[in-house]
Amino acid sequence: MKLEISSVLQLKKIQINRFKIEENIEGINKIRLYSDFDLIVWSEKDDSDKQNKGIHFVLKVNEKVKNPALKCLIDLIVLFSIDKNISEDQQIKFILYNGLSIVYGIVRGMVYQACSILPPSMRMLPTVDLNRLIKLKLEEIKASST
């Protein structure tokens, strides 16, 4: 029996707007994360009828921590292709849950690879509770619309 295992959500494009890393081997090995994201719709210049959905994601690591070993700012846009045969509501859920998981995995890899002087234990970003992040963002959107 053959099973279709590919997701209805596929990575299409990554645009890095800002990627800044500061390393301090003498710094404190502490990680404090601040993250924000927005769902976006993007039309290609050559095909304005075709809209892509994605995530604008910002991650700040140790923004206000004094003397951290690692400090970074990452701002990127990730676009996805998604099966048009599923409902708009389902598309949004796939982008929120699967998409954010993909995006954060990419960001973790970028940080790990970009660090050159820190040992592995000091440059690995922690896993995060994306469900909580999504819940907080949805609550923020709901509060701002009332």
Protein backbone atom coordinates (compact mmCIF):
# COMPACT_ATOMS: atom_id res chain seq x y z
CA MET A 1 0.00 0.00 0.00
CA LYS A 2 1.29 3.45 -0.89
CA LEU A 3 0.56 6.35 1.42
CA GLU A 4 0.77 9.99 0.45
CA ILE A 5 2.91 11.45 3.23
CA SER A 6 3.72 14.91 1.91
CA SER A 7 1.96 17.77 3.62
CA VAL A 8 -0.65 20.02 2.04
CA LEU A 9 1.71 22.82 3.11
CA GLN A 10 5.03 23.14 1.29
CA LEU A 11 7.83 25.66 1.76
CA LYS A 12 8.05 27.95 -1.27
CA LYS A 13 10.30 30.89 -0.48
CA ILE A 14 12.38 32.39 2.34
CA GLN A 15 13.22 36.08 2.43
CA ILE A 16 15.61 37.17 5.17
CA ASN A 17 15.01 40.81 6.06
CA ARG A 18 17.45 41.01 8.96
CA PHE A 19 19.91 38.57 10.49
CA LYS A 20 22.19 39.91 13.19
CA ILE A 21 24.18 37.78 15.60
CA GLU A 22 26.52 38.82 18.40
CA GLU A 23 28.66 36.23 20.16
CA ASN A 24 30.54 36.63 23.44
CA ILE A 25 32.41 33.54 24.61
CA GLU A 26 32.85 35.23 28.01
CA GLY A 27 29.11 35.94 28.31
CA ILE A 28 26.39 34.31 30.34
CA ASN A 29 24.90 31.13 28.87
CA LYS A 30 21.28 32.22 29.12
CA ILE A 31 18.56 32.26 26.49
CA ARG A 32 15.57 34.60 26.65
CA LEU A 33 13.37 34.59 23.56
CA TYR A 34 10.92 37.16 22.30
CA SER A 35 8.98 36.25 19.19
CA ASP A 36 6.24 37.78 17.12
CA PHE A 37 4.63 36.76 13.87
CA ASP A 38 1.95 37.76 11.43
CA LEU A 39 0.19 35.80 8.75
CA ILE A 40 0.66 37.41 5.36
CA VAL A 41 -0.69 37.17 1.84
CA TRP A 42 1.81 37.88 -0.91
CA SER A 43 1.32 38.33 -4.64
CA GLU A 44 4.21 37.81 -7.02
CA LYS A 45 5.10 40.79 -9.22
CA ASP A 46 4.65 38.81 -12.43
CA ASP A 47 1.42 37.10 -11.33
CA SER A 48 -0.77 39.38 -9.20
CA ASP A 49 -3.69 36.93 -9.48
CA LYS A 50 -1.76 34.24 -7.63
CA GLN A 51 -1.60 34.86 -3.92
CA ASN A 52 0.71 33.00 -1.57
CA LYS A 53 0.26 32.70 2.16
CA GLY A 54 3.04 32.88 4.64
CA ILE A 55 4.45 34.09 7.91
CA HIS A 56 6.40 37.21 8.78
CA PHE A 57 8.46 36.04 11.76
CA VAL A 58 10.66 38.03 14.13
CA LEU A 59 12.82 36.47 16.82
CA LYS A 60 14.92 38.36 19.34
CA VAL A 61 17.31 36.40 21.53
CA ASN A 62 18.55 37.96 24.77
CA GLU A 63 17.48 41.44 23.68
CA LYS A 64 17.59 42.86 27.23
CA VAL A 65 19.95 40.39 28.89
CA LYS A 66 23.19 41.91 30.17
CA ASN A 67 26.36 40.25 28.92
CA PRO A 68 24.83 37.23 27.17
CA ALA A 69 26.93 34.71 25.26
CA LEU A 70 24.50 34.96 22.35
CA LYS A 71 22.38 37.84 21.17
CA CYS A 72 20.50 37.92 17.89
CA LEU A 73 17.74 39.47 15.84
CA ILE A 74 16.14 37.58 13.00
CA ASP A 75 13.38 38.96 10.79
CA LEU A 76 12.19 36.84 7.90
CA ILE A 77 9.27 36.07 5.64
CA VAL A 78 8.46 32.51 4.71
CA LEU A 79 5.96 31.72 1.96
CA PHE A 80 4.17 28.45 1.47
CA SER A 81 2.21 26.76 -1.25
CA ILE A 82 -0.90 25.12 0.13
CA ASP A 83 -3.49 22.80 -1.30
CA LYS A 84 -6.34 25.00 -2.56
CA ASN A 85 -8.81 22.11 -2.12
CA ILE A 86 -8.95 22.58 1.64
CA SER A 87 -10.99 25.30 3.31
CA GLU A 88 -9.57 28.73 4.10
CA ASP A 89 -9.91 27.97 7.82
CA GLN A 90 -7.90 24.74 7.42
CA GLN A 91 -5.27 26.56 5.35
CA ILE A 92 -4.79 29.09 8.15
CA LYS A 93 -4.48 26.31 10.75
CA PHE A 94 -1.87 24.51 8.64
CA ILE A 95 0.12 27.73 8.27
CA LEU A 96 -0.16 28.56 11.96
CA TYR A 97 0.87 25.17 13.31
CA ASN A 98 2.92 23.44 10.62
CA GLY A 99 4.22 26.69 9.13
CA LEU A 100 5.46 28.13 12.42
CA SER A 101 7.09 24.80 13.24
CA ILE A 102 8.92 24.90 9.91
CA VAL A 103 9.92 28.55 10.37
CA TYR A 104 11.27 28.07 13.90
CA GLY A 105 13.22 25.00 12.79
CA ILE A 106 14.81 27.07 10.02
CA VAL A 107 15.68 29.86 12.47
CA ARG A 108 17.24 27.43 14.95
CA GLY A 109 19.42 26.02 12.18
CA MET A 110 20.44 29.48 10.98
CA VAL A 111 21.57 30.52 14.45
CA TYR A 112 23.43 27.28 15.11
CA GLN A 113 25.28 27.46 11.79
CA ALA A 114 26.10 31.18 12.01
CA CYS A 115 27.75 31.03 15.42
CA SER A 116 31.46 30.43 15.10
CA ILE A 117 33.02 30.85 18.52
CA LEU A 118 30.36 29.46 20.85
CA PRO A 119 30.33 25.78 21.79
CA PRO A 120 27.24 23.83 20.64
CA SER A 121 25.58 23.97 24.06
CA MET A 122 25.62 27.78 23.97
CA ARG A 123 24.28 28.30 20.45
CA MET A 124 21.38 25.86 20.35
CA LEU A 125 18.07 27.68 20.74
CA PRO A 126 15.56 25.87 22.92
CA THR A 127 12.42 24.26 21.61
CA VAL A 128 9.34 26.37 22.17
CA ASP A 129 5.65 25.81 22.87
CA LEU A 130 4.24 26.97 19.54
CA ASN A 131 0.70 26.19 20.68
CA ARG A 132 1.09 28.78 23.47
CA LEU A 133 2.66 31.30 21.08
CA ILE A 134 -0.26 30.92 18.67
CA LYS A 135 -2.81 31.16 21.47
CA LEU A 136 -1.23 34.38 22.80
CA LYS A 137 -1.11 35.90 19.31
CA LEU A 138 -4.77 35.07 18.64
CA GLU A 139 -5.73 36.60 22.01
CA GLU A 140 -3.74 39.74 21.10
CA ILE A 141 -5.52 40.01 17.74
CA LYS A 142 -8.92 39.51 19.37
CA ALA A 143 -8.20 42.16 22.03
CA SER A 144 -7.03 44.72 19.48
CA SER A 145 -10.12 44.24 17.30
CA THR A 146 -12.60 44.92 20.14
